[in-house]
Amino acid sequence: MMMSSTLQNIKCFTHKLEISTINLSKSVMNENKYFLYKMLNRENKFQQYGLSQ
């Protein structure tokens, strides 16, 4: 009985950890979204004018 309860807690903890990791990834992506958008636009402008870095 005790063993299954411990196993349940481990599964729950792992699930919470996965959710936290996903949330962290989302927030990091949101913070970088504007920067990436600017960088992509910059790359597109270089390509439009036939310039390369």
PDB file of N, CA and C in Angstrom:
ATOM      1  N   MET A   1       0.835  -1.203   0.000  1.00  0.00           N
ATOM      2  CA  MET A   1       0.000   0.000   0.000  1.00  0.00           C
ATOM      3  C   MET A   1       0.871   1.255   0.000  1.00  0.00           C
ATOM      4  N   MET A   2       1.854   1.266   0.897  1.00  0.00           N
ATOM      5  CA  MET A   2       2.749   2.416   1.013  1.00  0.00           C
ATOM      6  C   MET A   2       3.509   2.647  -0.294  1.00  0.00           C
ATOM      7  N   MET A   3       3.918   1.552  -0.919  1.00  0.00           N
ATOM      8  CA  MET A   3       4.715   1.637  -2.145  1.00  0.00           C
ATOM      9  C   MET A   3       3.948   2.331  -3.266  1.00  0.00           C
ATOM     10  N   SER A   4       2.684   1.989  -3.450  1.00  0.00           N
ATOM     11  CA  SER A   4       1.897   2.588  -4.530  1.00  0.00           C
ATOM     12  C   SER A   4       1.660   4.078  -4.274  1.00  0.00           C
ATOM     13  N   SER A   5       1.518   4.452  -3.016  1.00  0.00           N
ATOM     14  CA  SER A   5       1.337   5.861  -2.666  1.00  0.00           C
ATOM     15  C   SER A   5       2.590   6.665  -3.021  1.00  0.00           C
ATOM     16  N   THR A   6       3.739   6.101  -2.712  1.00  0.00           N
ATOM     17  CA  THR A   6       5.009   6.761  -3.034  1.00  0.00           C
ATOM     18  C   THR A   6       5.164   6.893  -4.538  1.00  0.00           C
ATOM     19  N   LEU A   7       4.816   5.833  -5.246  1.00  0.00           N
ATOM     20  CA  LEU A   7       4.899   5.841  -6.703  1.00  0.00           C
ATOM     21  C   LEU A   7       3.976   6.913  -7.280  1.00  0.00           C
ATOM     22  N   GLN A   8       2.788   7.033  -6.708  1.00  0.00           N
ATOM     23  CA  GLN A   8       1.812   8.041  -7.130  1.00  0.00           C
ATOM     24  C   GLN A   8       2.395   9.445  -6.943  1.00  0.00           C
ATOM     25  N   ASN A   9       3.035   9.668  -5.785  1.00  0.00           N
ATOM     26  CA  ASN A   9       3.636  10.970  -5.501  1.00  0.00           C
ATOM     27  C   ASN A   9       4.754  11.295  -6.478  1.00  0.00           C
ATOM     28  N   ILE A  10       5.553  10.294  -6.813  1.00  0.00           N
ATOM     29  CA  ILE A  10       6.646  10.493  -7.767  1.00  0.00           C
ATOM     30  C   ILE A  10       6.080  10.862  -9.138  1.00  0.00           C
ATOM     31  N   LYS A  11       5.026  10.168  -9.565  1.00  0.00           N
ATOM     32  CA  LYS A  11       4.394  10.468 -10.852  1.00  0.00           C
ATOM     33  C   LYS A  11       3.849  11.890 -10.851  1.00  0.00           C
ATOM     34  N   CYS A  12       3.201  12.278  -9.766  1.00  0.00           N
ATOM     35  CA  CYS A  12       2.615  13.611  -9.642  1.00  0.00           C
ATOM     36  C   CYS A  12       3.712  14.671  -9.696  1.00  0.00           C
ATOM     37  N   PHE A  13       4.793  14.440  -8.956  1.00  0.00           N
ATOM     38  CA  PHE A  13       5.915  15.380  -8.931  1.00  0.00           C
ATOM     39  C   PHE A  13       6.534  15.526 -10.320  1.00  0.00           C
ATOM     40  N   THR A  14       6.706  14.397 -11.005  1.00  0.00           N
ATOM     41  CA  THR A  14       7.282  14.409 -12.354  1.00  0.00           C
ATOM     42  C   THR A  14       6.397  15.203 -13.295  1.00  0.00           C
ATOM     43  N   HIS A  15       5.079  15.000 -13.183  1.00  0.00           N
ATOM     44  CA  HIS A  15       4.125  15.716 -14.029  1.00  0.00           C
ATOM     45  C   HIS A  15       4.208  17.222 -13.768  1.00  0.00           C
ATOM     46  N   LYS A  16       4.263  17.608 -12.487  1.00  0.00           N
ATOM     47  CA  LYS A  16       4.371  19.029 -12.136  1.00  0.00           C
ATOM     48  C   LYS A  16       5.663  19.620 -12.673  1.00  0.00           C
ATOM     49  N   LEU A  17       6.725  18.848 -12.606  1.00  0.00           N
ATOM     50  CA  LEU A  17       8.026  19.287 -13.104  1.00  0.00           C
ATOM     51  C   LEU A  17       7.961  19.514 -14.612  1.00  0.00           C
ATOM     52  N   GLU A  18       7.289  18.604 -15.325  1.00  0.00           N
ATOM     53  CA  GLU A  18       7.140  18.748 -16.777  1.00  0.00           C
ATOM     54  C   GLU A  18       6.360  20.011 -17.109  1.00  0.00           C
ATOM     55  N   ILE A  19       5.274  20.258 -16.370  1.00  0.00           N
ATOM     56  CA  ILE A  19       4.460  21.452 -16.599  1.00  0.00           C
ATOM     57  C   ILE A  19       5.281  22.712 -16.334  1.00  0.00           C
ATOM     58  N   SER A  20       6.047  22.713 -15.242  1.00  0.00           N
ATOM     59  CA  SER A  20       6.893  23.861 -14.918  1.00  0.00           C
ATOM     60  C   SER A  20       7.910  24.117 -16.017  1.00  0.00           C
ATOM     61  N   THR A  21       8.492  23.050 -16.533  1.00  0.00           N
ATOM     62  CA  THR A  21       9.486  23.178 -17.603  1.00  0.00           C
ATOM     63  C   THR A  21       8.852  23.761 -18.850  1.00  0.00           C
ATOM     64  N   ILE A  22       7.646  23.289 -19.186  1.00  0.00           N
ATOM     65  CA  ILE A  22       6.925  23.801 -20.358  1.00  0.00           C
ATOM     66  C   ILE A  22       6.598  25.281 -20.165  1.00  0.00           C
ATOM     67  N   ASN A  23       6.121  25.657 -18.978  1.00  0.00           N
ATOM     68  CA  ASN A  23       5.797  27.055 -18.705  1.00  0.00           C
ATOM     69  C   ASN A  23       7.025  27.938 -18.793  1.00  0.00           C
ATOM     70  N   LEU A  24       8.140  27.444 -18.278  1.00  0.00           N
ATOM     71  CA  LEU A  24       9.395  28.187 -18.335  1.00  0.00           C
ATOM     72  C   LEU A  24       9.811  28.384 -19.791  1.00  0.00           C
ATOM     73  N   SER A  25       9.702  27.332 -20.575  1.00  0.00           N
ATOM     74  CA  SER A  25      10.053  27.419 -21.995  1.00  0.00           C
ATOM     75  C   SER A  25       9.188  28.452 -22.699  1.00  0.00           C
ATOM     76  N   LYS A  26       7.887  28.453 -22.395  1.00  0.00           N
ATOM     77  CA  LYS A  26       6.971  29.413 -23.015  1.00  0.00           C
ATOM     78  C   LYS A  26       7.354  30.840 -22.661  1.00  0.00           C
ATOM     79  N   SER A  27       7.674  31.086 -21.395  1.00  0.00           N
ATOM     80  CA  SER A  27       8.006  32.451 -20.993  1.00  0.00           C
ATOM     81  C   SER A  27       9.311  32.904 -21.638  1.00  0.00           C
ATOM     82  N   VAL A  28      10.271  32.000 -21.742  1.00  0.00           N
ATOM     83  CA  VAL A  28      11.538  32.343 -22.403  1.00  0.00           C
ATOM     84  C   VAL A  28      11.279  32.642 -23.877  1.00  0.00           C
ATOM     85  N   MET A  29      10.439  31.832 -24.523  1.00  0.00           N
ATOM     86  CA  MET A  29      10.123  32.057 -25.935  1.00  0.00           C
ATOM     87  C   MET A  29       9.403  33.384 -26.120  1.00  0.00           C
ATOM     88  N   ASN A  30       8.485  33.724 -25.212  1.00  0.00           N
ATOM     89  CA  ASN A  30       7.777  34.994 -25.309  1.00  0.00           C
ATOM     90  C   ASN A  30       8.730  36.169 -25.173  1.00  0.00           C
ATOM     91  N   GLU A  31       9.685  36.066 -24.238  1.00  0.00           N
ATOM     92  CA  GLU A  31      10.646  37.141 -24.048  1.00  0.00           C
ATOM     93  C   GLU A  31      11.525  37.313 -25.272  1.00  0.00           C
ATOM     94  N   ASN A  32      11.837  36.217 -25.943  1.00  0.00           N
ATOM     95  CA  ASN A  32      12.734  36.275 -27.100  1.00  0.00           C
ATOM     96  C   ASN A  32      12.001  36.494 -28.421  1.00  0.00           C
ATOM     97  N   LYS A  33      10.660  36.428 -28.382  1.00  0.00           N
ATOM     98  CA  LYS A  33       9.878  36.516 -29.615  1.00  0.00           C
ATOM     99  C   LYS A  33      10.153  37.820 -30.369  1.00  0.00           C
ATOM    100  N   TYR A  34      10.149  38.940 -29.654  1.00  0.00           N
ATOM    101  CA  TYR A  34      10.371  40.234 -30.293  1.00  0.00           C
ATOM    102  C   TYR A  34      11.772  40.303 -30.895  1.00  0.00           C
ATOM    103  N   PHE A  35      12.758  39.852 -30.118  1.00  0.00           N
ATOM    104  CA  PHE A  35      14.142  39.850 -30.595  1.00  0.00           C
ATOM    105  C   PHE A  35      14.277  39.004 -31.863  1.00  0.00           C
ATOM    106  N   LEU A  36      13.692  37.807 -31.842  1.00  0.00           N
ATOM    107  CA  LEU A  36      13.766  36.916 -33.002  1.00  0.00           C
ATOM    108  C   LEU A  36      13.061  37.531 -34.202  1.00  0.00           C
ATOM    109  N   TYR A  37      11.920  38.171 -33.947  1.00  0.00           N
ATOM    110  CA  TYR A  37      11.152  38.830 -35.003  1.00  0.00           C
ATOM    111  C   TYR A  37      12.007  39.912 -35.666  1.00  0.00           C
ATOM    112  N   LYS A  38      12.680  40.713 -34.845  1.00  0.00           N
ATOM    113  CA  LYS A  38      13.548  41.769 -35.371  1.00  0.00           C
ATOM    114  C   LYS A  38      14.688  41.167 -36.194  1.00  0.00           C
ATOM    115  N   MET A  39      15.287  40.092 -35.673  1.00  0.00           N
ATOM    116  CA  MET A  39      16.405  39.464 -36.376  1.00  0.00           C
ATOM    117  C   MET A  39      15.956  38.899 -37.722  1.00  0.00           C
ATOM    118  N   LEU A  40      14.787  38.268 -37.749  1.00  0.00           N
ATOM    119  CA  LEU A  40      14.266  37.700 -38.996  1.00  0.00           C
ATOM    120  C   LEU A  40      13.986  38.799 -40.008  1.00  0.00           C
ATOM    121  N   ASN A  41      13.405  39.908 -39.551  1.00  0.00           N
ATOM    122  CA  ASN A  41      13.135  41.034 -40.446  1.00  0.00           C
ATOM    123  C   ASN A  41      14.430  41.579 -41.018  1.00  0.00           C
ATOM    124  N   ARG A  42      15.438  41.641 -40.186  1.00  0.00           N
ATOM    125  CA  ARG A  42      16.744  42.141 -40.606  1.00  0.00           C
ATOM    126  C   ARG A  42      17.324  41.226 -41.687  1.00  0.00           C
ATOM    127  N   GLU A  43      17.226  39.914 -41.454  1.00  0.00           N
ATOM    128  CA  GLU A  43      17.721  38.942 -42.438  1.00  0.00           C
ATOM    129  C   GLU A  43      16.969  39.098 -43.762  1.00  0.00           C
ATOM    130  N   ASN A  44      15.647  39.276 -43.683  1.00  0.00           N
ATOM    131  CA  ASN A  44      14.833  39.426 -44.889  1.00  0.00           C
ATOM    132  C   ASN A  44      15.245  40.657 -45.676  1.00  0.00           C
ATOM    133  N   LYS A  45      15.540  41.751 -44.973  1.00  0.00           N
ATOM    134  CA  LYS A  45      15.966  42.979 -45.652  1.00  0.00           C
ATOM    135  C   LYS A  45      17.292  42.760 -46.360  1.00  0.00           C
ATOM    136  N   PHE A  46      18.208  42.042 -45.722  1.00  0.00           N
ATOM    137  CA  PHE A  46      19.493  41.745 -46.363  1.00  0.00           C
ATOM    138  C   PHE A  46      19.256  40.947 -47.642  1.00  0.00           C
ATOM    139  N   GLN A  47      18.354  39.977 -47.570  1.00  0.00           N
ATOM    140  CA  GLN A  47      18.083  39.141 -48.735  1.00  0.00           C
ATOM    141  C   GLN A  47      17.403  39.950 -49.839  1.00  0.00           C
ATOM    142  N   GLN A  48      16.476  40.838 -49.457  1.00  0.00           N
ATOM    143  CA  GLN A  48      15.759  41.659 -50.435  1.00  0.00           C
ATOM    144  C   GLN A  48      16.721  42.505 -51.257  1.00  0.00           C
ATOM    145  N   TYR A  49      17.696  43.085 -50.588  1.00  0.00           N
ATOM    146  CA  TYR A  49      18.628  43.979 -51.273  1.00  0.00           C
ATOM    147  C   TYR A  49      19.867  43.259 -51.797  1.00  0.00           C
ATOM    148  N   GLY A  50      19.858  41.931 -51.693  1.00  0.00           N
ATOM    149  CA  GLY A  50      20.968  41.140 -52.206  1.00  0.00           C
ATOM    150  C   GLY A  50      22.245  41.300 -51.401  1.00  0.00           C
ATOM    151  N   LEU A  51      22.097  41.683 -50.152  1.00  0.00           N
ATOM    152  CA  LEU A  51      23.261  41.838 -49.283  1.00  0.00           C
ATOM    153  C   LEU A  51      23.414  40.592 -48.432  1.00  0.00           C
ATOM    154  N   SER A  52      24.604  40.248 -48.100  1.00  0.00           N
ATOM    155  CA  SER A  52      24.810  39.131 -47.181  1.00  0.00           C
ATOM    156  C   SER A  52      25.831  39.537 -46.143  1.00  0.00           C
ATOM    157  N   GLN A  53      25.704  38.940 -44.979  1.00  0.00           N
ATOM    158  CA  GLN A  53      26.595  39.293 -43.875  1.00  0.00           C
ATOM    159  C   GLN A  53      27.838  38.461 -43.912  1.00  0.00           C
TER     160      GLN A  53
END
